[in-house]
Amino acid sequence: MRFAGLHGYSDHSLHLMYRCWNLGWLAPPSAGAASGLLPNPVGYSRMYVKLDGAFSVEKWYEGVKAGRVLVSNGPLIFLDAAHKRVEVLSRDQLDRVEIVANGKVIQSWKPRGKQLRARIDADTRAHSWIAARAYTKNSTTVRIAHTAPVKLPGRWDAREDARYFREWIEELQRNPKTPPPSAAGRLYTEALAVYRALEQ
């Protein structure tokens, strides 16, 4: 019920990703159009990687590992965390641009046009990561762009995030439809040990 409506699937996906980032696992976001499964054209959802110099497969993967990534099915968004700046370019009218830190919106704008250049004034000292996202106005789907997280020096108490995943796995284990111990069952046991340790 918490993730109902048009934005429900997107919001739930972000909710899970943010909890992983809160635990210190700052894997960059990725994107896929699911063409063939969903009525999306090829290239509907895109993953952009900033490269240094000419393109090569090796440089692309280096850029992914370094977190120089943005994903989008609409606008483009660029976050300069070092200089506390954000820029958004869009073909469609922007709805909102938000700075997210540890899963919480800490600053937002409601642009009147199709682009935004702004300074980030929010206090980020208590946070361990920051990212930016932008939405365009659309009544039939979610048009979003999102940057990879940028690590911050602040410390975040991630015990509640670890508890969330631990309780989820325990619920799955109690489900009578869960198959008997298997490779998946062993993974559940290993994951529980990780989340329980992170709760301490």
Protein backbone atom coordinates (compact mmCIF):
# COMPACT_ATOMS: atom_id res chain seq x y z
CA MET A 1 0.00 0.00 0.00
CA ARG A 2 2.93 2.32 0.66
CA PHE A 3 3.99 2.25 -2.99
CA ALA A 4 0.65 2.54 -4.78
CA GLY A 5 -0.22 4.59 -7.86
CA LEU A 6 1.61 5.61 -10.99
CA HIS A 7 4.95 6.15 -9.24
CA GLY A 8 4.64 3.08 -7.01
CA TYR A 9 6.95 0.69 -8.86
CA SER A 10 9.57 3.39 -9.43
CA ASP A 11 9.41 4.61 -5.81
CA HIS A 12 9.71 1.06 -4.46
CA SER A 13 12.74 0.37 -6.66
CA LEU A 14 14.41 3.58 -5.45
CA HIS A 15 13.51 2.75 -1.85
CA LEU A 16 15.37 -0.57 -2.10
CA MET A 17 18.34 0.94 -3.93
CA TYR A 18 18.67 3.70 -1.33
CA ARG A 19 18.67 1.16 1.51
CA CYS A 20 21.53 -0.71 -0.19
CA TRP A 21 23.44 2.55 -0.59
CA ASN A 22 22.81 3.34 3.08
CA LEU A 23 24.56 0.06 3.94
CA GLY A 24 27.63 1.33 2.09
CA TRP A 25 27.09 -0.65 -1.11
CA LEU A 26 27.28 2.25 -3.57
CA ALA A 27 26.72 0.26 -6.76
CA PRO A 28 25.82 2.65 -9.60
CA PRO A 29 22.29 2.47 -11.00
CA SER A 30 21.73 0.77 -14.34
CA ALA A 31 18.91 0.82 -16.87
CA GLY A 32 17.24 -1.48 -19.34
CA ALA A 33 14.23 -1.00 -21.59
CA ALA A 34 12.85 -4.57 -21.17
CA SER A 35 11.82 -4.42 -24.82
CA GLY A 36 9.91 -7.58 -25.65
CA LEU A 37 8.67 -7.98 -22.08
CA LEU A 38 7.19 -4.50 -21.83
CA PRO A 39 5.83 -2.25 -24.59
CA ASN A 40 8.99 -0.11 -24.46
CA PRO A 41 11.03 0.66 -27.56
CA VAL A 42 14.72 -0.22 -27.63
CA GLY A 43 16.64 2.56 -25.89
CA TYR A 44 13.66 3.65 -23.77
CA SER A 45 15.71 3.49 -20.56
CA ARG A 46 19.35 4.46 -20.93
CA MET A 47 22.56 4.33 -18.91
CA TYR A 48 25.15 7.01 -19.63
CA VAL A 49 28.77 6.79 -18.49
CA LYS A 50 31.21 9.71 -18.51
CA LEU A 51 34.52 8.69 -20.10
CA ASP A 52 37.94 10.27 -20.08
CA GLY A 53 39.18 10.48 -23.66
CA ALA A 54 38.14 8.28 -26.57
CA PHE A 55 35.65 5.45 -26.12
CA SER A 56 36.78 1.95 -25.30
CA VAL A 57 35.06 -0.92 -23.54
CA GLU A 58 37.69 -0.81 -20.79
CA LYS A 59 37.15 2.92 -20.22
CA TRP A 60 33.38 2.40 -20.15
CA TYR A 61 33.68 -0.18 -17.37
CA GLU A 62 36.18 2.04 -15.53
CA GLY A 63 33.61 4.85 -15.65
CA VAL A 64 30.90 2.54 -14.30
CA LYS A 65 33.14 1.35 -11.44
CA ALA A 66 34.03 4.97 -10.64
CA GLY A 67 30.32 5.84 -10.45
CA ARG A 68 30.33 8.34 -13.32
CA VAL A 69 26.85 7.15 -14.29
CA LEU A 70 23.41 8.57 -14.88
CA VAL A 71 20.30 6.67 -15.90
CA SER A 72 17.27 8.13 -17.64
CA ASN A 73 14.16 7.48 -19.68
CA GLY A 74 13.75 11.21 -20.26
CA PRO A 75 15.85 14.15 -19.02
CA LEU A 76 19.59 14.37 -18.45
CA ILE A 77 20.91 15.27 -15.02
CA PHE A 78 24.45 16.15 -13.93
CA LEU A 79 25.60 16.34 -10.32
CA ASP A 80 28.82 18.08 -9.31
CA ALA A 81 28.99 17.19 -5.63
CA ALA A 82 32.42 18.75 -5.14
CA HIS A 83 31.17 22.20 -6.23
CA LYS A 84 27.60 21.60 -5.00
CA ARG A 85 25.93 22.12 -8.35
CA VAL A 86 23.20 20.32 -10.29
CA GLU A 87 22.14 20.77 -13.91
CA VAL A 88 19.16 19.27 -15.74
CA LEU A 89 18.29 19.38 -19.45
CA SER A 90 14.98 18.06 -20.73
CA ARG A 91 12.94 17.84 -23.92
CA ASP A 92 9.77 17.98 -21.80
CA GLN A 93 8.58 20.28 -19.04
CA LEU A 94 10.32 19.50 -15.76
CA ASP A 95 8.16 18.65 -12.77
CA ARG A 96 10.75 18.60 -9.99
CA VAL A 97 14.45 18.19 -9.33
CA GLU A 98 15.59 16.70 -6.03
CA ILE A 99 18.80 16.16 -4.12
CA VAL A 100 18.65 12.90 -2.18
CA ALA A 101 20.97 11.97 0.69
CA ASN A 102 20.64 8.62 2.45
CA GLY A 103 17.19 8.17 0.93
CA LYS A 104 15.82 11.55 2.07
CA VAL A 105 15.09 14.54 -0.14
CA ILE A 106 17.22 17.32 1.34
CA GLN A 107 16.66 19.99 -1.34
CA SER A 108 14.23 20.36 -4.24
CA TRP A 109 13.21 22.73 -7.01
CA LYS A 110 10.06 23.15 -9.12
CA PRO A 111 11.43 24.50 -12.43
CA ARG A 112 9.09 26.36 -14.76
CA GLY A 113 10.85 25.29 -17.91
CA LYS A 114 12.88 22.47 -19.42
CA GLN A 115 16.21 23.08 -17.75
CA LEU A 116 17.71 23.95 -14.40
CA ARG A 117 21.08 25.05 -13.14
CA ALA A 118 21.19 25.36 -9.38
CA ARG A 119 23.45 25.42 -6.37
CA ILE A 120 23.03 22.87 -3.61
CA ASP A 121 22.69 24.68 -0.29
CA ALA A 122 21.55 21.75 1.87
CA ASP A 123 23.72 20.63 4.77
CA THR A 124 25.15 17.21 3.89
CA ARG A 125 27.52 16.76 6.83
CA ALA A 126 25.39 14.07 8.49
CA HIS A 127 25.08 11.97 5.33
CA SER A 128 27.19 9.22 3.79
CA TRP A 129 26.05 9.65 0.17
CA ILE A 130 24.30 12.12 -2.10
CA ALA A 131 22.59 11.78 -5.50
CA ALA A 132 20.32 13.82 -7.74
CA ARG A 133 17.11 12.95 -9.57
CA ALA A 134 14.75 14.79 -11.90
CA TYR A 135 11.18 14.11 -13.02
CA THR A 136 9.33 15.52 -16.00
CA LYS A 137 5.59 16.16 -16.12
CA ASN A 138 3.75 13.10 -17.42
CA SER A 139 0.34 11.70 -16.50
CA THR A 140 0.77 8.21 -17.99
CA THR A 141 4.25 7.07 -16.94
CA VAL A 142 7.27 8.01 -14.84
CA ARG A 143 9.92 10.03 -16.64
CA ILE A 144 13.00 10.17 -14.44
CA ALA A 145 16.74 10.74 -14.54
CA HIS A 146 18.98 9.70 -11.65
CA THR A 147 22.68 10.04 -10.94
CA ALA A 148 24.90 7.52 -9.22
CA PRO A 149 25.57 8.17 -5.53
CA VAL A 150 28.59 10.19 -4.49
CA LYS A 151 30.24 9.13 -1.25
CA LEU A 152 30.28 11.72 1.54
CA PRO A 153 32.44 11.75 4.69
CA GLY A 154 29.47 11.72 7.07
CA ARG A 155 28.43 8.62 9.02
CA TRP A 156 24.98 7.09 8.65
CA ASP A 157 23.33 4.76 11.14
CA ALA A 158 22.26 1.96 8.80
CA ARG A 159 20.93 -0.43 11.45
CA GLU A 160 17.32 0.21 10.41
CA ASP A 161 18.21 -0.49 6.77
CA ALA A 162 19.87 -3.78 7.75
CA ARG A 163 16.84 -4.67 9.88
CA TYR A 164 14.54 -4.05 6.90
CA PHE A 165 16.35 -6.64 4.75
CA ARG A 166 16.78 -9.07 7.64
CA GLU A 167 13.05 -9.04 8.40
CA TRP A 168 12.24 -9.44 4.71
CA ILE A 169 14.39 -12.58 4.44
CA GLU A 170 12.93 -13.99 7.65
CA GLU A 171 9.45 -13.44 6.21
CA LEU A 172 10.44 -15.30 3.05
CA GLN A 173 11.77 -18.16 5.13
CA ARG A 174 8.46 -18.43 7.02
CA ASN A 175 6.47 -18.57 3.78
CA PRO A 176 5.11 -22.13 3.39
CA LYS A 177 5.65 -21.85 -0.36
CA THR A 178 9.39 -21.36 0.11
CA PRO A 179 11.16 -24.45 -1.24
CA PRO A 180 13.20 -26.66 1.14
CA PRO A 181 16.88 -25.87 1.77
CA SER A 182 18.64 -25.38 -1.52
CA ALA A 183 21.12 -23.01 -3.10
CA ALA A 184 18.62 -20.17 -2.55
CA GLY A 185 18.12 -21.28 1.05
CA ARG A 186 21.85 -21.17 1.69
CA LEU A 187 21.99 -17.66 0.22
CA TYR A 188 19.22 -16.59 2.61
CA THR A 189 21.23 -17.94 5.55
CA GLU A 190 24.40 -16.17 4.41
CA ALA A 191 22.53 -12.89 3.82
CA LEU A 192 20.92 -13.08 7.26
CA ALA A 193 24.36 -13.33 8.87
CA VAL A 194 25.46 -10.20 7.00
CA TYR A 195 22.36 -8.16 7.92
CA ARG A 196 22.42 -9.29 11.56
CA ALA A 197 26.04 -8.19 11.84
CA LEU A 198 25.17 -4.82 10.31
CA GLU A 199 22.38 -4.35 12.87
CA GLN A 200 24.87 -4.45 15.75
